[in-house]
Amino acid sequence: MRILPSMILATALMAAGAQAQAASRDTPEQKLAKAIEGRTPGKPVNCINSRDIRSTRIITGTAILYETNNGTVYVNRPVSGASSLRDGDALVTRTSISQLCNVDIVRLFDTAARFERGSVGLGEFVPYKKVKSAAAN
């Protein structure tokens, strides 16, 4: 009788693995679209305040997402080096002011191998804000 629960568990784990694998097959543009789903783009800006950045996320080969304290997500498509972007890398930024700007260079640090592996030149920051529903008005 112990075989049946083990088989059910194995089947459930295989199904979960298949779903995770299917999700990882999304193209970078599809991943970006999912990340900003339900948000509307605003006018691009040249700089964002560093102190307002709550988290960052890399979309492999495509963009860097900066989520701010007020919930706005800024999408930055680097003007150079975007193909070097990899999910899981750490971003190392040095600025001389309290802002991150489209003229800044961001270095990429491979956290697994523990070495710097490239850099990107930032582009404009496009803000994406959540759409307020009609029911909330």
Protein backbone atom coordinates (compact mmCIF):
# COMPACT_ATOMS: atom_id res chain seq x y z
CA MET A 1 0.00 0.00 0.00
CA ARG A 2 2.93 2.36 0.45
CA ILE A 3 3.69 2.20 -3.27
CA LEU A 4 0.52 4.07 -4.28
CA PRO A 5 1.24 7.24 -2.23
CA SER A 6 4.83 7.23 -3.53
CA MET A 7 3.62 6.98 -7.11
CA ILE A 8 1.15 9.82 -6.57
CA LEU A 9 3.91 11.96 -5.07
CA ALA A 10 6.28 11.15 -7.94
CA THR A 11 3.60 12.00 -10.51
CA ALA A 12 2.86 15.32 -8.78
CA LEU A 13 6.57 16.22 -8.68
CA MET A 14 6.99 15.38 -12.37
CA ALA A 15 3.98 17.54 -13.26
CA ALA A 16 5.33 20.44 -11.21
CA GLY A 17 8.72 20.07 -12.90
CA ALA A 18 7.10 20.09 -16.33
CA GLN A 19 5.22 23.27 -15.48
CA ALA A 20 8.39 24.96 -14.23
CA GLN A 21 10.25 23.89 -17.35
CA ALA A 22 7.48 25.26 -19.58
CA ALA A 23 7.58 28.57 -17.72
CA SER A 24 11.34 28.79 -18.19
CA ARG A 25 10.85 28.44 -21.94
CA ASP A 26 9.37 31.92 -22.14
CA THR A 27 11.42 34.25 -24.29
CA PRO A 28 13.03 37.23 -22.56
CA GLU A 29 10.40 39.51 -24.13
CA GLN A 30 7.62 37.29 -22.74
CA LYS A 31 9.24 37.39 -19.28
CA LEU A 32 9.44 41.18 -19.50
CA ALA A 33 5.79 41.40 -20.59
CA LYS A 34 4.75 39.27 -17.60
CA ALA A 35 6.81 41.43 -15.23
CA ILE A 36 5.03 44.63 -16.31
CA GLU A 37 1.60 43.11 -16.91
CA GLY A 38 -1.17 45.34 -15.56
CA ARG A 39 1.03 48.42 -15.70
CA THR A 40 1.06 51.35 -18.10
CA PRO A 41 4.23 52.98 -19.41
CA GLY A 42 5.04 56.57 -18.67
CA LYS A 43 7.41 59.08 -20.20
CA PRO A 44 11.04 57.85 -20.15
CA VAL A 45 13.39 59.60 -17.72
CA ASN A 46 17.16 59.91 -17.69
CA CYS A 47 17.69 59.23 -13.97
CA ILE A 48 16.06 57.60 -10.95
CA ASN A 49 16.88 58.18 -7.27
CA SER A 50 19.10 55.39 -5.93
CA ARG A 51 17.54 55.58 -2.47
CA ASP A 52 14.11 54.80 -3.96
CA ILE A 53 15.19 51.49 -5.53
CA ARG A 54 13.75 48.58 -3.56
CA SER A 55 14.85 45.72 -5.80
CA THR A 56 16.32 44.89 -9.18
CA ARG A 57 15.72 42.06 -11.60
CA ILE A 58 17.58 41.09 -14.74
CA ILE A 59 15.72 39.84 -17.79
CA THR A 60 18.39 37.79 -19.57
CA GLY A 61 19.80 39.53 -22.63
CA THR A 62 17.12 42.20 -22.59
CA ALA A 63 16.59 44.58 -19.67
CA ILE A 64 17.04 45.50 -16.03
CA LEU A 65 13.94 46.15 -13.94
CA TYR A 66 14.21 48.55 -11.01
CA GLU A 67 11.27 48.40 -8.59
CA THR A 68 10.93 51.48 -6.42
CA ASN A 69 9.42 52.05 -2.99
CA ASN A 70 6.22 53.50 -4.48
CA GLY A 71 5.64 50.37 -6.61
CA THR A 72 6.73 51.85 -9.93
CA VAL A 73 8.84 49.51 -12.05
CA TYR A 74 11.43 51.21 -14.24
CA VAL A 75 12.52 49.21 -17.27
CA ASN A 76 16.00 49.95 -18.53
CA ARG A 77 17.09 48.51 -21.87
CA PRO A 78 20.85 49.07 -21.90
CA VAL A 79 22.23 50.88 -24.94
CA SER A 80 25.30 48.66 -24.89
CA GLY A 81 26.08 45.23 -23.51
CA ALA A 82 22.47 44.04 -23.09
CA SER A 83 23.36 40.63 -24.51
CA SER A 84 25.64 40.16 -21.46
CA LEU A 85 22.74 40.36 -19.02
CA ARG A 86 22.04 37.08 -17.20
CA ASP A 87 19.47 36.27 -14.57
CA GLY A 88 21.31 35.61 -11.34
CA ASP A 89 24.11 38.09 -11.90
CA ALA A 90 24.63 40.85 -9.37
CA LEU A 91 24.67 44.46 -10.53
CA VAL A 92 27.58 46.59 -9.31
CA THR A 93 27.01 50.31 -9.72
CA ARG A 94 29.18 53.26 -8.73
CA THR A 95 27.70 56.71 -9.06
CA SER A 96 29.02 60.09 -8.00
CA ILE A 97 25.52 61.36 -7.20
CA SER A 98 22.46 59.91 -5.48
CA GLN A 99 20.88 58.99 -8.80
CA LEU A 100 21.27 56.19 -11.30
CA CYS A 101 21.36 57.72 -14.78
CA ASN A 102 21.35 56.71 -18.42
CA VAL A 103 25.04 57.63 -18.70
CA ASP A 104 26.09 55.18 -15.97
CA ILE A 105 27.92 51.91 -16.53
CA VAL A 106 26.75 48.91 -14.51
CA ARG A 107 29.17 46.04 -14.02
CA LEU A 108 27.92 42.46 -13.98
CA PHE A 109 29.16 40.10 -11.28
CA ASP A 110 28.73 36.33 -11.62
CA THR A 111 27.65 35.30 -8.13
CA ALA A 112 28.29 31.59 -8.70
CA ALA A 113 31.83 31.90 -10.09
CA ARG A 114 32.53 35.05 -8.04
CA PHE A 115 34.04 37.23 -10.73
CA GLU A 116 33.15 40.30 -12.75
CA ARG A 117 32.07 39.23 -16.21
CA GLY A 118 31.12 42.34 -18.13
CA SER A 119 29.23 45.59 -18.07
CA VAL A 120 26.29 47.39 -19.63
CA GLY A 121 25.71 51.03 -20.52
CA LEU A 122 22.31 52.08 -19.22
CA GLY A 123 19.62 53.57 -21.43
CA GLU A 124 16.55 55.58 -20.48
CA PHE A 125 14.35 54.44 -17.61
CA VAL A 126 10.74 53.80 -18.66
CA PRO A 127 8.37 53.93 -15.66
CA TYR A 128 5.52 51.41 -15.48
CA LYS A 129 2.80 52.12 -12.94
CA LYS A 130 -0.07 49.90 -11.89
CA VAL A 131 -3.36 50.62 -13.61
CA LYS A 132 -6.04 51.77 -11.18
CA SER A 133 -9.20 49.76 -11.62
CA ALA A 134 -12.53 51.48 -12.23
CA ALA A 135 -13.87 49.91 -9.02
CA ALA A 136 -11.18 51.73 -6.99
CA ASN A 137 -12.38 55.13 -8.22
